[in-house]
PDB file of N, CA and C in Angstrom:
ATOM      1  N   MET A   1     119.026 217.715  93.196  1.00  0.00           N
ATOM      2  CA  MET A   1     118.502 218.854  92.519  1.00  0.00           C
ATOM      3  C   MET A   1     118.150 219.554  93.697  1.00  0.00           C
ATOM      4  N   ASP A   2     118.795 220.758  93.774  1.00  0.00           N
ATOM      5  CA  ASP A   2     118.786 221.568  95.158  1.00  0.00           C
ATOM      6  C   ASP A   2     117.689 222.172  95.402  1.00  0.00           C
ATOM      7  N   GLN A   3     117.652 222.615  96.564  1.00  0.00           N
ATOM      8  CA  GLN A   3     116.241 223.568  97.216  1.00  0.00           C
ATOM      9  C   GLN A   3     115.407 224.675  95.990  1.00  0.00           C
ATOM     10  N   ASN A   4     116.889 225.557  95.669  1.00  0.00           N
ATOM     11  CA  ASN A   4     116.010 226.634  94.674  1.00  0.00           C
ATOM     12  C   ASN A   4     115.404 225.912  93.343  1.00  0.00           C
ATOM     13  N   MET A   5     116.161 224.769  92.748  1.00  0.00           N
ATOM     14  CA  MET A   5     115.785 224.656  91.351  1.00  0.00           C
ATOM     15  C   MET A   5     114.632 223.804  91.991  1.00  0.00           C
ATOM     16  N   ARG A   6     114.273 223.234  92.814  1.00  0.00           N
ATOM     17  CA  ARG A   6     113.079 222.368  93.363  1.00  0.00           C
ATOM     18  C   ARG A   6     111.772 223.234  93.289  1.00  0.00           C
ATOM     19  N   GLU A   7     112.129 224.413  93.836  1.00  0.00           N
ATOM     20  CA  GLU A   7     111.121 225.934  93.969  1.00  0.00           C
ATOM     21  C   GLU A   7     110.694 226.096  92.715  1.00  0.00           C
ATOM     22  N   LEU A   8     111.969 226.207  91.585  1.00  0.00           N
ATOM     23  CA  LEU A   8     111.841 226.871  90.830  1.00  0.00           C
ATOM     24  C   LEU A   8     110.969 225.836  89.719  1.00  0.00           C
ATOM     25  N   LEU A   9     111.006 224.427  89.785  1.00  0.00           N
ATOM     26  CA  LEU A   9     110.499 223.505  89.284  1.00  0.00           C
ATOM     27  C   LEU A   9     109.166 223.465  89.300  1.00  0.00           C
ATOM     28  N   ASP A  10     108.587 223.666  90.672  1.00  0.00           N
ATOM     29  CA  ASP A  10     107.688 223.372  91.123  1.00  0.00           C
ATOM     30  C   ASP A  10     106.362 224.680  90.907  1.00  0.00           C
ATOM     31  N   ASP A  11     107.095 225.957  90.387  1.00  0.00           N
ATOM     32  CA  ASP A  11     106.380 227.020  89.958  1.00  0.00           C
ATOM     33  C   ASP A  11     106.615 227.042  88.374  1.00  0.00           C
ATOM     34  N   THR A  12     107.266 226.142  87.905  1.00  0.00           N
ATOM     35  CA  THR A  12     106.834 226.017  86.339  1.00  0.00           C
ATOM     36  C   THR A  12     105.844 225.276  85.658  1.00  0.00           C
ATOM     37  N   THR A  13     105.182 225.916  84.925  1.00  0.00           N
ATOM     38  CA  THR A  13     103.941 225.556  84.275  1.00  0.00           C
ATOM     39  C   THR A  13     104.292 224.935  83.010  1.00  0.00           C
ATOM     40  N   ILE A  14     103.503 223.890  82.372  1.00  0.00           N
ATOM     41  CA  ILE A  14     103.248 223.584  80.968  1.00  0.00           C
ATOM     42  C   ILE A  14     103.594 224.496  79.762  1.00  0.00           C
ATOM     43  N   GLU A  15     102.844 225.918  80.130  1.00  0.00           N
ATOM     44  CA  GLU A  15     102.762 227.157  79.186  1.00  0.00           C
ATOM     45  C   GLU A  15     104.010 227.445  79.090  1.00  0.00           C
ATOM     46  N   ASP A  16     104.958 227.424  80.399  1.00  0.00           N
ATOM     47  CA  ASP A  16     106.390 227.948  80.404  1.00  0.00           C
ATOM     48  C   ASP A  16     107.423 227.369  79.441  1.00  0.00           C
ATOM     49  N   LEU A  17     106.939 226.021  79.000  1.00  0.00           N
ATOM     50  CA  LEU A  17     107.641 225.425  77.910  1.00  0.00           C
ATOM     51  C   LEU A  17     107.323 225.782  76.462  1.00  0.00           C
ATOM     52  N   PRO A  18     108.449 225.575  75.435  1.00  0.00           N
ATOM     53  CA  PRO A  18     107.988 225.689  74.311  1.00  0.00           C
ATOM     54  C   PRO A  18     106.972 224.767  73.637  1.00  0.00           C
ATOM     55  N   GLU A  19     106.196 224.951  72.799  1.00  0.00           N
ATOM     56  CA  GLU A  19     105.304 224.295  72.418  1.00  0.00           C
ATOM     57  C   GLU A  19     105.288 223.036  72.023  1.00  0.00           C
ATOM     58  N   SER A  20     106.599 222.979  71.333  1.00  0.00           N
ATOM     59  CA  SER A  20     106.870 221.481  70.714  1.00  0.00           C
ATOM     60  C   SER A  20     107.392 220.748  72.052  1.00  0.00           C
ATOM     61  N   CYS A  21     107.362 220.889  73.273  1.00  0.00           N
ATOM     62  CA  CYS A  21     107.944 220.328  74.459  1.00  0.00           C
ATOM     63  C   CYS A  21     106.557 219.946  75.174  1.00  0.00           C
ATOM     64  N   GLN A  22     105.596 220.291  74.803  1.00  0.00           N
ATOM     65  CA  GLN A  22     104.517 220.643  75.928  1.00  0.00           C
ATOM     66  C   GLN A  22     103.584 219.098  75.472  1.00  0.00           C
ATOM     67  N   PRO A  23     103.547 218.497  74.624  1.00  0.00           N
ATOM     68  CA  PRO A  23     103.036 217.149  74.679  1.00  0.00           C
ATOM     69  C   PRO A  23     103.940 215.977  75.075  1.00  0.00           C
ATOM     70  N   ILE A  24     105.351 216.019  75.352  1.00  0.00           N
ATOM     71  CA  ILE A  24     106.144 215.477  76.124  1.00  0.00           C
ATOM     72  C   ILE A  24     105.874 215.796  77.528  1.00  0.00           C
ATOM     73  N   VAL A  25     105.870 216.930  78.161  1.00  0.00           N
ATOM     74  CA  VAL A  25     105.524 217.113  79.381  1.00  0.00           C
ATOM     75  C   VAL A  25     103.820 216.261  79.757  1.00  0.00           C
ATOM     76  N   GLU A  26     103.257 216.294  79.018  1.00  0.00           N
ATOM     77  CA  GLU A  26     101.925 216.088  79.201  1.00  0.00           C
ATOM     78  C   GLU A  26     101.784 214.302  79.444  1.00  0.00           C
ATOM     79  N   ILE A  27     102.485 213.740  78.419  1.00  0.00           N
ATOM     80  CA  ILE A  27     102.818 212.391  78.596  1.00  0.00           C
ATOM     81  C   ILE A  27     103.745 211.883  79.844  1.00  0.00           C
ATOM     82  N   VAL A  28     105.128 212.433  80.226  1.00  0.00           N
ATOM     83  CA  VAL A  28     106.277 212.077  81.043  1.00  0.00           C
ATOM     84  C   VAL A  28     105.921 212.849  82.404  1.00  0.00           C
ATOM     85  N   GLY A  29     105.013 214.158  82.414  1.00  0.00           N
ATOM     86  CA  GLY A  29     105.064 214.882  83.465  1.00  0.00           C
ATOM     87  C   GLY A  29     105.979 215.967  83.714  1.00  0.00           C
ATOM     88  N   MET A  30     106.175 216.658  84.577  1.00  0.00           N
ATOM     89  CA  MET A  30     106.982 218.243  84.625  1.00  0.00           C
ATOM     90  C   MET A  30     108.469 217.295  85.000  1.00  0.00           C
ATOM     91  N   GLU A  31     108.712 216.769  85.994  1.00  0.00           N
ATOM     92  CA  GLU A  31     109.623 216.356  86.813  1.00  0.00           C
ATOM     93  C   GLU A  31     110.441 215.563  85.875  1.00  0.00           C
ATOM     94  N   ARG A  32     110.031 214.292  85.482  1.00  0.00           N
ATOM     95  CA  ARG A  32     110.402 213.446  84.539  1.00  0.00           C
ATOM     96  C   ARG A  32     111.164 214.407  83.178  1.00  0.00           C
ATOM     97  N   PHE A  33     110.224 215.338  82.695  1.00  0.00           N
ATOM     98  CA  PHE A  33     110.896 216.298  81.607  1.00  0.00           C
ATOM     99  C   PHE A  33     112.000 216.709  81.645  1.00  0.00           C
ATOM    100  N   PHE A  34     112.043 217.321  83.227  1.00  0.00           N
ATOM    101  CA  PHE A  34     112.963 218.056  83.699  1.00  0.00           C
ATOM    102  C   PHE A  34     114.347 216.934  83.674  1.00  0.00           C
ATOM    103  N   GLU A  35     114.005 215.547  83.936  1.00  0.00           N
ATOM    104  CA  GLU A  35     115.179 214.730  83.942  1.00  0.00           C
ATOM    105  C   GLU A  35     115.707 214.501  82.818  1.00  0.00           C
ATOM    106  N   LEU A  36     115.018 214.457  81.877  1.00  0.00           N
ATOM    107  CA  LEU A  36     115.342 214.306  80.407  1.00  0.00           C
ATOM    108  C   LEU A  36     116.228 215.482  80.049  1.00  0.00           C
ATOM    109  N   SER A  37     115.675 216.606  80.537  1.00  0.00           N
ATOM    110  CA  SER A  37     116.212 217.701  79.652  1.00  0.00           C
ATOM    111  C   SER A  37     117.997 217.800  80.799  1.00  0.00           C
ATOM    112  N   GLU A  38     117.799 217.398  81.913  1.00  0.00           N
ATOM    113  CA  GLU A  38     119.284 217.299  82.263  1.00  0.00           C
ATOM    114  C   GLU A  38     120.274 216.643  81.647  1.00  0.00           C
ATOM    115  N   TYR A  39     119.511 215.014  81.632  1.00  0.00           N
ATOM    116  CA  TYR A  39     120.070 214.312  80.492  1.00  0.00           C
ATOM    117  C   TYR A  39     121.140 214.537  79.047  1.00  0.00           C
ATOM    118  N   ALA A  40     119.829 215.421  78.417  1.00  0.00           N
ATOM    119  CA  ALA A  40     120.148 215.661  76.946  1.00  0.00           C
ATOM    120  C   ALA A  40     121.159 217.108  77.245  1.00  0.00           C
ATOM    121  N   GLN A  41     120.898 217.989  78.349  1.00  0.00           N
ATOM    122  CA  GLN A  41     121.615 219.403  78.060  1.00  0.00           C
ATOM    123  C   GLN A  41     121.437 220.078  77.166  1.00  0.00           C
ATOM    124  N   GLY A  42     120.274 220.056  76.385  1.00  0.00           N
ATOM    125  CA  GLY A  42     120.032 220.815  74.843  1.00  0.00           C
ATOM    126  C   GLY A  42     120.555 220.128  73.801  1.00  0.00           C
ATOM    127  N   ASP A  43     120.987 218.754  73.850  1.00  0.00           N
ATOM    128  CA  ASP A  43     121.191 217.829  72.817  1.00  0.00           C
ATOM    129  C   ASP A  43     119.651 217.669  71.998  1.00  0.00           C
ATOM    130  N   ALA A  44     119.940 217.033  71.056  1.00  0.00           N
ATOM    131  CA  ALA A  44     118.518 216.708  70.439  1.00  0.00           C
ATOM    132  C   ALA A  44     118.650 215.118  70.961  1.00  0.00           C
ATOM    133  N   LEU A  45     117.296 214.718  71.206  1.00  0.00           N
ATOM    134  CA  LEU A  45     117.060 213.113  71.759  1.00  0.00           C
ATOM    135  C   LEU A  45     116.533 212.581  70.552  1.00  0.00           C
ATOM    136  N   TYR A  46     116.916 211.262  70.571  1.00  0.00           N
ATOM    137  CA  TYR A  46     116.388 210.445  69.570  1.00  0.00           C
ATOM    138  C   TYR A  46     115.476 209.467  69.700  1.00  0.00           C
ATOM    139  N   ILE A  47     114.108 209.531  69.261  1.00  0.00           N
ATOM    140  CA  ILE A  47     113.196 208.380  69.943  1.00  0.00           C
ATOM    141  C   ILE A  47     112.812 207.800  69.281  1.00  0.00           C
ATOM    142  N   PRO A  48     113.111 206.177  69.220  1.00  0.00           N
ATOM    143  CA  PRO A  48     112.649 205.166  68.406  1.00  0.00           C
ATOM    144  C   PRO A  48     110.906 205.085  68.131  1.00  0.00           C
ATOM    145  N   LYS A  49     110.657 204.894  66.466  1.00  0.00           N
ATOM    146  CA  LYS A  49     109.516 204.540  66.729  1.00  0.00           C
ATOM    147  C   LYS A  49     108.928 203.465  67.697  1.00  0.00           C
ATOM    148  N   PRO A  50     107.706 203.241  68.150  1.00  0.00           N
ATOM    149  CA  PRO A  50     107.273 202.089  68.462  1.00  0.00           C
ATOM    150  C   PRO A  50     107.550 200.819  68.279  1.00  0.00           C
ATOM    151  N   ASP A  51     107.364 200.633  67.178  1.00  0.00           N
ATOM    152  CA  ASP A  51     107.946 199.082  66.312  1.00  0.00           C
ATOM    153  C   ASP A  51     109.347 198.796  66.499  1.00  0.00           C
ATOM    154  N   SER A  52     110.274 200.118  66.299  1.00  0.00           N
ATOM    155  CA  SER A  52     111.756 199.643  66.522  1.00  0.00           C
ATOM    156  C   SER A  52     111.948 199.035  67.766  1.00  0.00           C
ATOM    157  N   ILE A  53     111.458 199.754  68.972  1.00  0.00           N
ATOM    158  CA  ILE A  53     111.619 199.609  70.467  1.00  0.00           C
ATOM    159  C   ILE A  53     111.020 197.822  70.631  1.00  0.00           C
ATOM    160  N   VAL A  54     110.180 197.413  70.007  1.00  0.00           N
ATOM    161  CA  VAL A  54     109.803 195.959  70.123  1.00  0.00           C
ATOM    162  C   VAL A  54     109.897 195.022  69.376  1.00  0.00           C
ATOM    163  N   THR A  55     111.099 195.485  68.572  1.00  0.00           N
ATOM    164  CA  THR A  55     111.352 194.364  67.360  1.00  0.00           C
ATOM    165  C   THR A  55     112.142 193.545  68.102  1.00  0.00           C
ATOM    166  N   PRO A  56     113.084 193.606  68.617  1.00  0.00           N
ATOM    167  CA  PRO A  56     113.830 192.471  69.926  1.00  0.00           C
ATOM    168  C   PRO A  56     113.173 191.198  70.038  1.00  0.00           C
ATOM    169  N   ALA A  57     111.848 191.891  70.770  1.00  0.00           N
ATOM    170  CA  ALA A  57     111.004 191.041  71.748  1.00  0.00           C
ATOM    171  C   ALA A  57     110.110 190.056  70.786  1.00  0.00           C
ATOM    172  N   ARG A  58     109.777 190.916  69.752  1.00  0.00           N
ATOM    173  CA  ARG A  58     109.063 190.142  68.490  1.00  0.00           C
ATOM    174  C   ARG A  58     109.861 188.984  67.855  1.00  0.00           C
ATOM    175  N   ASN A  59     111.066 189.130  67.383  1.00  0.00           N
ATOM    176  CA  ASN A  59     111.924 188.380  67.053  1.00  0.00           C
ATOM    177  C   ASN A  59     112.395 187.224  67.773  1.00  0.00           C
ATOM    178  N   ARG A  60     112.405 187.396  69.100  1.00  0.00           N
ATOM    179  CA  ARG A  60     112.654 186.341  69.929  1.00  0.00           C
ATOM    180  C   ARG A  60     111.477 185.410  70.171  1.00  0.00           C
ATOM    181  N   LYS A  61     110.249 186.135  70.232  1.00  0.00           N
ATOM    182  CA  LYS A  61     108.990 185.365  70.349  1.00  0.00           C
ATOM    183  C   LYS A  61     109.017 184.436  68.869  1.00  0.00           C
ATOM    184  N   ILE A  62     109.072 185.068  67.745  1.00  0.00           N
ATOM    185  CA  ILE A  62     109.129 184.653  66.507  1.00  0.00           C
ATOM    186  C   ILE A  62     109.950 183.041  66.315  1.00  0.00           C
ATOM    187  N   LYS A  63     111.180 183.393  66.782  1.00  0.00           N
ATOM    188  CA  LYS A  63     111.952 182.398  66.911  1.00  0.00           C
ATOM    189  C   LYS A  63     111.757 181.034  67.877  1.00  0.00           C
ATOM    190  N   LYS A  64     111.195 181.615  68.956  1.00  0.00           N
ATOM    191  CA  LYS A  64     110.698 180.857  70.048  1.00  0.00           C
ATOM    192  C   LYS A  64     109.700 179.906  69.599  1.00  0.00           C
ATOM    193  N   GLU A  65     108.639 180.632  68.646  1.00  0.00           N
ATOM    194  CA  GLU A  65     107.454 179.598  68.368  1.00  0.00           C
ATOM    195  C   GLU A  65     107.497 179.093  67.113  1.00  0.00           C
ATOM    196  N   TRP A  66     108.906 179.272  66.214  1.00  0.00           N
ATOM    197  CA  TRP A  66     109.280 178.684  65.186  1.00  0.00           C
ATOM    198  C   TRP A  66     109.093 176.962  65.380  1.00  0.00           C
ATOM    199  N   ASN A  67     108.241 176.164  64.915  1.00  0.00           N
ATOM    200  CA  ASN A  67     108.274 174.844  64.968  1.00  0.00           C
ATOM    201  C   ASN A  67     108.918 173.952  63.717  1.00  0.00           C
ATOM    202  N   GLY A  68     109.292 174.774  62.564  1.00  0.00           N
ATOM    203  CA  GLY A  68     109.558 174.156  61.196  1.00  0.00           C
ATOM    204  C   GLY A  68     108.442 173.711  60.250  1.00  0.00           C
ATOM    205  N   TYR A  69     107.329 174.532  60.370  1.00  0.00           N
ATOM    206  CA  TYR A  69     106.312 174.208  59.974  1.00  0.00           C
ATOM    207  C   TYR A  69     105.280 175.318  59.765  1.00  0.00           C
ATOM    208  N   ASN A  70     105.384 176.332  60.339  1.00  0.00           N
ATOM    209  CA  ASN A  70     104.206 177.563  60.700  1.00  0.00           C
ATOM    210  C   ASN A  70     104.971 178.923  60.121  1.00  0.00           C
ATOM    211  N   LEU A  71     105.586 178.671  58.776  1.00  0.00           N
ATOM    212  CA  LEU A  71     105.970 180.053  58.279  1.00  0.00           C
ATOM    213  C   LEU A  71     104.896 181.044  58.161  1.00  0.00           C
ATOM    214  N   ARG A  72     103.725 180.477  57.522  1.00  0.00           N
ATOM    215  CA  ARG A  72     102.723 181.387  56.868  1.00  0.00           C
ATOM    216  C   ARG A  72     102.057 181.925  58.373  1.00  0.00           C
ATOM    217  N   GLU A  73     101.772 180.842  59.101  1.00  0.00           N
ATOM    218  CA  GLU A  73     101.415 181.317  60.464  1.00  0.00           C
ATOM    219  C   GLU A  73     101.922 182.265  61.105  1.00  0.00           C
ATOM    220  N   LEU A  74     103.164 182.699  61.169  1.00  0.00           N
ATOM    221  CA  LEU A  74     103.817 183.478  62.148  1.00  0.00           C
ATOM    222  C   LEU A  74     103.975 184.826  60.999  1.00  0.00           C
ATOM    223  N   ALA A  75     103.814 184.861  59.621  1.00  0.00           N
ATOM    224  CA  ALA A  75     103.886 185.908  58.846  1.00  0.00           C
ATOM    225  C   ALA A  75     102.624 186.539  59.216  1.00  0.00           C
ATOM    226  N   ASP A  76     101.739 185.832  59.257  1.00  0.00           N
ATOM    227  CA  ASP A  76      99.998 186.217  59.338  1.00  0.00           C
ATOM    228  C   ASP A  76     100.127 186.772  61.170  1.00  0.00           C
ATOM    229  N   LYS A  77     100.266 185.918  62.136  1.00  0.00           N
ATOM    230  CA  LYS A  77     100.476 186.671  63.262  1.00  0.00           C
ATOM    231  C   LYS A  77     100.933 187.924  63.378  1.00  0.00           C
ATOM    232  N   TYR A  78     102.364 188.120  63.142  1.00  0.00           N
ATOM    233  CA  TYR A  78     103.191 189.153  63.524  1.00  0.00           C
ATOM    234  C   TYR A  78     103.254 190.400  61.994  1.00  0.00           C
ATOM    235  N   GLY A  79     101.914 189.894  61.389  1.00  0.00           N
ATOM    236  CA  GLY A  79     101.762 191.053  60.286  1.00  0.00           C
ATOM    237  C   GLY A  79     102.997 191.169  59.525  1.00  0.00           C
ATOM    238  N   LEU A  80     103.851 189.990  58.915  1.00  0.00           N
ATOM    239  CA  LEU A  80     104.956 190.130  58.071  1.00  0.00           C
ATOM    240  C   LEU A  80     104.737 189.570  57.240  1.00  0.00           C
ATOM    241  N   THR A  81     105.882 189.526  55.895  1.00  0.00           N
ATOM    242  CA  THR A  81     106.101 188.639  54.829  1.00  0.00           C
ATOM    243  C   THR A  81     106.471 187.338  55.030  1.00  0.00           C
ATOM    244  N   PRO A  82     106.273 186.183  54.611  1.00  0.00           N
ATOM    245  CA  PRO A  82     106.883 185.086  54.740  1.00  0.00           C
ATOM    246  C   PRO A  82     108.543 184.996  54.654  1.00  0.00           C
ATOM    247  N   ASN A  83     108.955 186.192  53.565  1.00  0.00           N
ATOM    248  CA  ASN A  83     110.549 186.378  53.617  1.00  0.00           C
ATOM    249  C   ASN A  83     111.176 187.100  54.694  1.00  0.00           C
ATOM    250  N   ARG A  84     110.289 188.030  55.269  1.00  0.00           N
ATOM    251  CA  ARG A  84     110.988 188.687  56.784  1.00  0.00           C
ATOM    252  C   ARG A  84     110.904 187.893  58.138  1.00  0.00           C
ATOM    253  N   ILE A  85     109.799 186.709  57.732  1.00  0.00           N
ATOM    254  CA  ILE A  85     110.146 185.725  59.016  1.00  0.00           C
ATOM    255  C   ILE A  85     111.269 184.866  58.719  1.00  0.00           C
ATOM    256  N   ARG A  86     111.566 184.627  57.116  1.00  0.00           N
ATOM    257  CA  ARG A  86     113.073 183.553  57.164  1.00  0.00           C
ATOM    258  C   ARG A  86     113.819 184.315  57.495  1.00  0.00           C
ATOM    259  N   SER A  87     113.834 185.880  56.914  1.00  0.00           N
ATOM    260  CA  SER A  87     115.372 186.487  57.396  1.00  0.00           C
ATOM    261  C   SER A  87     115.425 186.381  59.303  1.00  0.00           C
ATOM    262  N   ILE A  88     114.393 186.677  59.553  1.00  0.00           N
ATOM    263  CA  ILE A  88     114.744 186.657  61.092  1.00  0.00           C
ATOM    264  C   ILE A  88     114.997 185.005  61.594  1.00  0.00           C
ATOM    265  N   LEU A  89     114.664 184.312  61.084  1.00  0.00           N
ATOM    266  CA  LEU A  89     115.062 183.044  61.469  1.00  0.00           C
ATOM    267  C   LEU A  89     116.373 182.674  61.073  1.00  0.00           C
ATOM    268  N   LYS A  90     116.551 183.171  59.822  1.00  0.00           N
ATOM    269  CA  LYS A  90     118.162 182.849  59.366  1.00  0.00           C
ATOM    270  C   LYS A  90     119.078 183.413  59.882  1.00  0.00           C
ATOM    271  N   ASP A  91     118.862 184.826  60.687  1.00  0.00           N
ATOM    272  CA  ASP A  91     120.071 185.683  61.397  1.00  0.00           C
ATOM    273  C   ASP A  91     120.575 184.978  62.730  1.00  0.00           C
ATOM    274  N   GLU A  92     119.448 183.881  62.964  1.00  0.00           N
ATOM    275  CA  GLU A  92     119.860 183.411  64.230  1.00  0.00           C
ATOM    276  C   GLU A  92     120.235 181.723  63.588  1.00  0.00           C
ATOM    277  N   GLN A  93     120.450 181.564  62.545  1.00  0.00           N
ATOM    278  CA  GLN A  93     120.640 180.331  62.329  1.00  0.00           C
ATOM    279  C   GLN A  93     119.348 178.976  62.408  1.00  0.00           C
ATOM    280  N   VAL A  94     118.417 179.578  62.837  1.00  0.00           N
ATOM    281  CA  VAL A  94     117.013 178.838  62.879  1.00  0.00           C
ATOM    282  C   VAL A  94     116.770 178.431  61.417  1.00  0.00           C
ATOM    283  N   PHE A  95     116.543 179.333  60.797  1.00  0.00           N
ATOM    284  CA  PHE A  95     116.206 178.882  59.175  1.00  0.00           C
ATOM    285  C   PHE A  95     116.612 177.717  58.528  1.00  0.00           C
ATOM    286  N   GLY A  96     117.745 177.302  59.340  1.00  0.00           N
ATOM    287  CA  GLY A  96     118.150 175.905  58.940  1.00  0.00           C
ATOM    288  C   GLY A  96     117.383 174.713  59.279  1.00  0.00           C
ATOM    289  N   GLN A  97     116.903 174.878  60.301  1.00  0.00           N
ATOM    290  CA  GLN A  97     115.428 173.893  60.644  1.00  0.00           C
ATOM    291  C   GLN A  97     114.570 174.148  59.831  1.00  0.00           C
ATOM    292  N   LEU A  98     114.180 174.583  58.808  1.00  0.00           N
ATOM    293  CA  LEU A  98     113.010 174.622  57.830  1.00  0.00           C
ATOM    294  C   LEU A  98     112.763 173.406  57.487  1.00  0.00           C
ATOM    295  N   SER A  99     112.062 173.163  57.114  1.00  0.00           N
ATOM    296  CA  SER A  99     111.264 171.667  57.026  1.00  0.00           C
ATOM    297  C   SER A  99     111.156 171.948  55.349  1.00  0.00           C
ATOM    298  N   MET A 100     111.548 170.961  54.496  1.00  0.00           N
ATOM    299  CA  MET A 100     111.262 170.855  53.258  1.00  0.00           C
ATOM    300  C   MET A 100     109.613 170.098  52.890  1.00  0.00           C
ATOM    301  N   PHE A 101     108.983 169.743  54.252  1.00  0.00           N
ATOM    302  CA  PHE A 101     107.769 169.488  54.130  1.00  0.00           C
ATOM    303  C   PHE A 101     107.045 170.864  54.274  1.00  0.00           C
ATOM    304  N   ASP A 102     107.316 171.649  54.774  1.00  0.00           N
ATOM    305  CA  ASP A 102     106.576 172.857  55.088  1.00  0.00           C
ATOM    306  C   ASP A 102     106.159 173.654  53.494  1.00  0.00           C
ATOM    307  N   PRO A 103     104.972 173.813  53.672  1.00  0.00           N
ATOM    308  CA  PRO A 103     104.256 173.986  52.387  1.00  0.00           C
ATOM    309  C   PRO A 103     105.081 175.850  51.617  1.00  0.00           C
ATOM    310  N   ASP A 104     105.330 176.140  52.607  1.00  0.00           N
ATOM    311  CA  ASP A 104     106.084 177.401  52.565  1.00  0.00           C
ATOM    312  C   ASP A 104     107.332 177.791  52.307  1.00  0.00           C
ATOM    313  N   PHE A 105     107.979 176.637  52.541  1.00  0.00           N
ATOM    314  CA  PHE A 105     109.339 176.463  52.347  1.00  0.00           C
ATOM    315  C   PHE A 105     109.803 176.291  50.909  1.00  0.00           C
ATOM    316  N   GLU A 106     111.052 177.344  50.759  1.00  0.00           N
ATOM    317  CA  GLU A 106     111.319 177.327  48.733  1.00  0.00           C
ATOM    318  C   GLU A 106     112.735 177.019  48.921  1.00  0.00           C
ATOM    319  N   LEU A 107     113.410 175.857  48.234  1.00  0.00           N
ATOM    320  CA  LEU A 107     114.596 175.877  48.458  1.00  0.00           C
ATOM    321  C   LEU A 107     115.782 176.963  47.725  1.00  0.00           C
ATOM    322  N   TYR A 108     115.201 177.377  46.764  1.00  0.00           N
ATOM    323  CA  TYR A 108     115.870 178.502  45.958  1.00  0.00           C
ATOM    324  C   TYR A 108     115.411 179.983  46.226  1.00  0.00           C
ATOM    325  N   GLY A 109     114.524 180.215  46.922  1.00  0.00           N
ATOM    326  CA  GLY A 109     113.719 181.411  47.559  1.00  0.00           C
ATOM    327  C   GLY A 109     112.489 181.662  46.434  1.00  0.00           C
ATOM    328  N   GLU A 110     112.297 183.033  46.526  1.00  0.00           N
ATOM    329  CA  GLU A 110     110.682 183.222  45.701  1.00  0.00           C
ATOM    330  C   GLU A 110     111.348 183.694  44.589  1.00  0.00           C
TER     331      GLU A 110
END
C-alpha cells in the first residue's frame, strides 16, 4: 500500500463504511477489512458457516476415534445421528470395519 493510501486508511473510521460492513470491521479490524476489500475488489465474498469450516477436522477425528464398537458414542459426542457417523466412516471405507458385534450395527440399514 502506498503512503497516500496508508494515510487515507488511517483517517478512515468505521462510520465511513456501509452499516453492513461495520460488524466485520469490528471483528477483523480496519486494516484486515481493507485487505479483504483489496482481495474481493467489489465482488461478493462467500463465508461458510462455522460448522462447515470444522467439518473436515471433525470427520478426521471420528475416523481416528472409530474402534468398531463405538458408533453410538461417537454420534452422541459429535451431536450426529448414527447414520451420519456411518456415512462419514463409509466415505473413507472405514465403515467396512464395522463389527457385527456392535449393538448399533445393522447389516441391512435402518
